[in-house]
Protein backbone atom coordinates (compact mmCIF):
# COMPACT_ATOMS: atom_id res chain seq x y z
CA MET A 1 -4.81 14.50 8.84
CA ASN A 2 -0.85 13.96 9.32
CA HIS A 3 1.08 12.67 6.35
CA ALA A 4 3.97 11.37 5.88
CA SER A 5 7.76 12.97 5.77
CA ASP A 6 9.86 13.17 2.71
CA GLN A 7 12.14 10.89 4.43
CA GLU A 8 9.35 8.18 5.25
CA ARG A 9 7.67 8.64 0.96
CA GLN A 10 11.54 7.80 0.24
CA GLU A 11 11.76 4.88 2.41
CA LEU A 12 8.50 3.90 1.34
CA CYS A 13 9.56 3.79 -1.85
CA ARG A 14 13.07 2.16 -1.56
CA ARG A 15 11.68 -0.86 0.59
CA ALA A 16 8.44 -1.72 -2.07
CA LEU A 17 11.23 -1.52 -5.31
CA GLY A 18 13.77 -3.27 -3.34
CA GLY A 19 12.12 -6.83 -4.40
CA ARG A 20 11.07 -9.41 -2.57
CA LYS A 21 13.51 -9.00 0.78
CA THR A 22 12.02 -5.27 1.45
CA ARG A 23 8.73 -5.76 0.99
CA ARG A 24 5.85 -8.53 1.97
CA SER A 25 2.13 -8.69 2.42
CA GLU A 26 1.79 -11.79 3.85
CA PHE A 27 -1.37 -12.30 6.51
CA THR A 28 -0.95 -13.23 9.88
CA ARG A 29 -3.29 -12.91 13.10
CA GLU A 30 -0.82 -10.19 14.33
CA ARG A 31 -1.04 -8.27 11.10
CA PRO A 32 -4.27 -9.35 9.14
CA CYS A 33 -4.14 -7.95 5.56
CA LYS A 34 -6.32 -7.87 2.53
CA TRP A 35 -3.83 -7.69 -0.63
CA HIS A 36 -5.34 -8.44 -3.75
CA PRO A 37 -3.44 -6.94 -6.34
CA THR A 38 -4.41 -9.21 -9.34
CA SER A 39 -8.48 -9.31 -8.89
CA LEU A 40 -7.78 -5.31 -9.94
CA ILE A 41 -6.76 -3.76 -13.56
CA HIS A 42 -3.31 -1.64 -13.79
CA PRO A 43 -4.04 1.36 -15.26
CA GLN A 44 -1.36 1.58 -17.64
CA TYR A 45 -1.14 -1.61 -18.57
CA ARG A 46 -4.80 -2.74 -18.65
CA GLU A 47 -4.53 -6.06 -17.69
CA PRO A 48 -4.52 -7.54 -13.78
CA PHE A 49 -1.95 -6.22 -11.36
CA THR A 50 1.08 -9.09 -10.78
CA VAL A 51 2.46 -9.50 -7.23
CA ASP A 52 5.92 -7.93 -8.25
CA ASN A 53 4.09 -4.79 -10.56
CA CYS A 54 1.63 -3.47 -7.62
CA TRP A 55 4.52 -2.76 -5.68
CA THR A 56 6.27 -0.28 -8.86
CA TRP A 57 2.94 1.14 -8.78
CA ILE A 58 2.89 2.21 -5.84
CA ALA A 59 6.16 3.58 -5.54
CA GLU A 60 5.60 5.56 -9.00
CA ALA A 61 2.54 6.92 -7.02
CA ILE A 62 4.12 8.13 -4.64
CA GLN A 63 7.25 9.80 -6.15
CA ALA A 64 4.71 11.68 -8.23
CA GLY A 65 3.89 13.36 -5.04
CA ALA A 66 0.43 11.03 -4.49
CA ILE A 67 -0.91 11.81 -0.79
CA VAL A 68 0.68 8.89 1.59
CA GLU A 69 -1.67 9.62 4.70
CA ILE A 70 0.08 7.99 8.33
CA ILE A 71 -2.62 6.14 10.28
CA THR A 72 -3.04 4.41 13.69
CA LEU A 73 -3.50 0.22 13.13
CA LYS A 74 -5.70 -1.33 15.01
CA LYS A 75 -3.73 -4.74 14.59
CA PRO A 76 -1.31 -4.28 15.90
CA PRO A 77 -3.34 -1.91 18.26
CA GLY A 78 -1.66 1.75 18.02
CA LYS A 79 1.47 1.58 15.66
CA ARG A 80 1.78 3.32 12.56
CA GLY A 81 0.78 2.49 9.39
CA PHE A 82 0.15 4.74 5.40
CA VAL A 83 -2.53 4.54 3.84
CA LEU A 84 -2.95 5.84 -0.26
CA LYS A 85 -6.16 6.34 -2.18
CA LEU A 86 -4.78 6.06 -5.66
CA ASP A 87 -6.79 6.15 -9.23
CA GLY A 88 -7.20 2.62 -10.97
CA HIS A 89 -8.61 1.54 -14.14
CA GLY A 90 -12.20 2.40 -15.13
CA GLY A 91 -12.54 5.20 -12.66
CA ILE A 92 -12.45 2.97 -9.36
CA LYS A 93 -9.94 3.86 -6.58
CA ILE A 94 -7.65 1.86 -5.52
CA TYR A 95 -7.05 1.48 -1.08
CA VAL A 96 -3.36 0.48 -0.40
CA LYS A 97 -2.16 0.56 3.25
CA LEU A 98 1.45 0.06 4.33
CA GLN A 99 3.41 -1.11 7.57
CA MET A 100 6.95 -0.09 7.42
CA LEU A 101 8.83 -2.68 10.15
CA SER A 102 12.40 -3.00 10.77
CA GLU A 103 13.74 -3.17 7.51
CA VAL A 104 10.64 -4.29 5.44
CA VAL A 105 7.51 -2.46 4.16
CA TYR A 106 4.37 -4.56 4.26
CA GLY A 107 1.55 -4.56 2.43
CA ARG A 108 -1.47 -4.72 4.43
CA SER A 109 -4.53 -3.45 2.00
CA PHE A 110 -4.81 -3.38 -1.54
CA HIS A 111 -8.37 -3.78 -3.23
CA GLU A 112 -10.82 -1.47 -4.22
CA SER A 113 -11.59 1.85 -1.97
CA GLY A 114 -15.01 1.02 -0.60
CA ALA A 115 -17.15 2.69 2.65
CA ASN A 116 -14.90 -0.39 5.03
CA ASP A 117 -11.68 0.47 4.32
CA ASP A 118 -11.35 2.01 8.05
CA GLU A 119 -12.61 -1.16 9.58
CA GLU A 120 -9.24 -2.64 8.13
């Protein structure tokens, strides 16, 4: 299992916190995603995540030392992605998959972790 370097971790945080110019979560055929933050409860606020505060939460988790695994994406084939499995509200794990391209971090997955996470 490979982990993101300190530089990659910093870059993921910078882009996640950079606003809508440096972060996206749009579904395309080339980059399918399962990005559903508003369906999960924020563990700190105990209200549903918002489109924006999920990114802050991800960056804070990375800054706090969360494990960021490097994976090889299936779509697009062979490209690098980053996976976090974070503690959510009520004991659930939240599966987060990210991809960095150009100056943007793409949110590829944000949902309750399950048996099929590696299939995405």
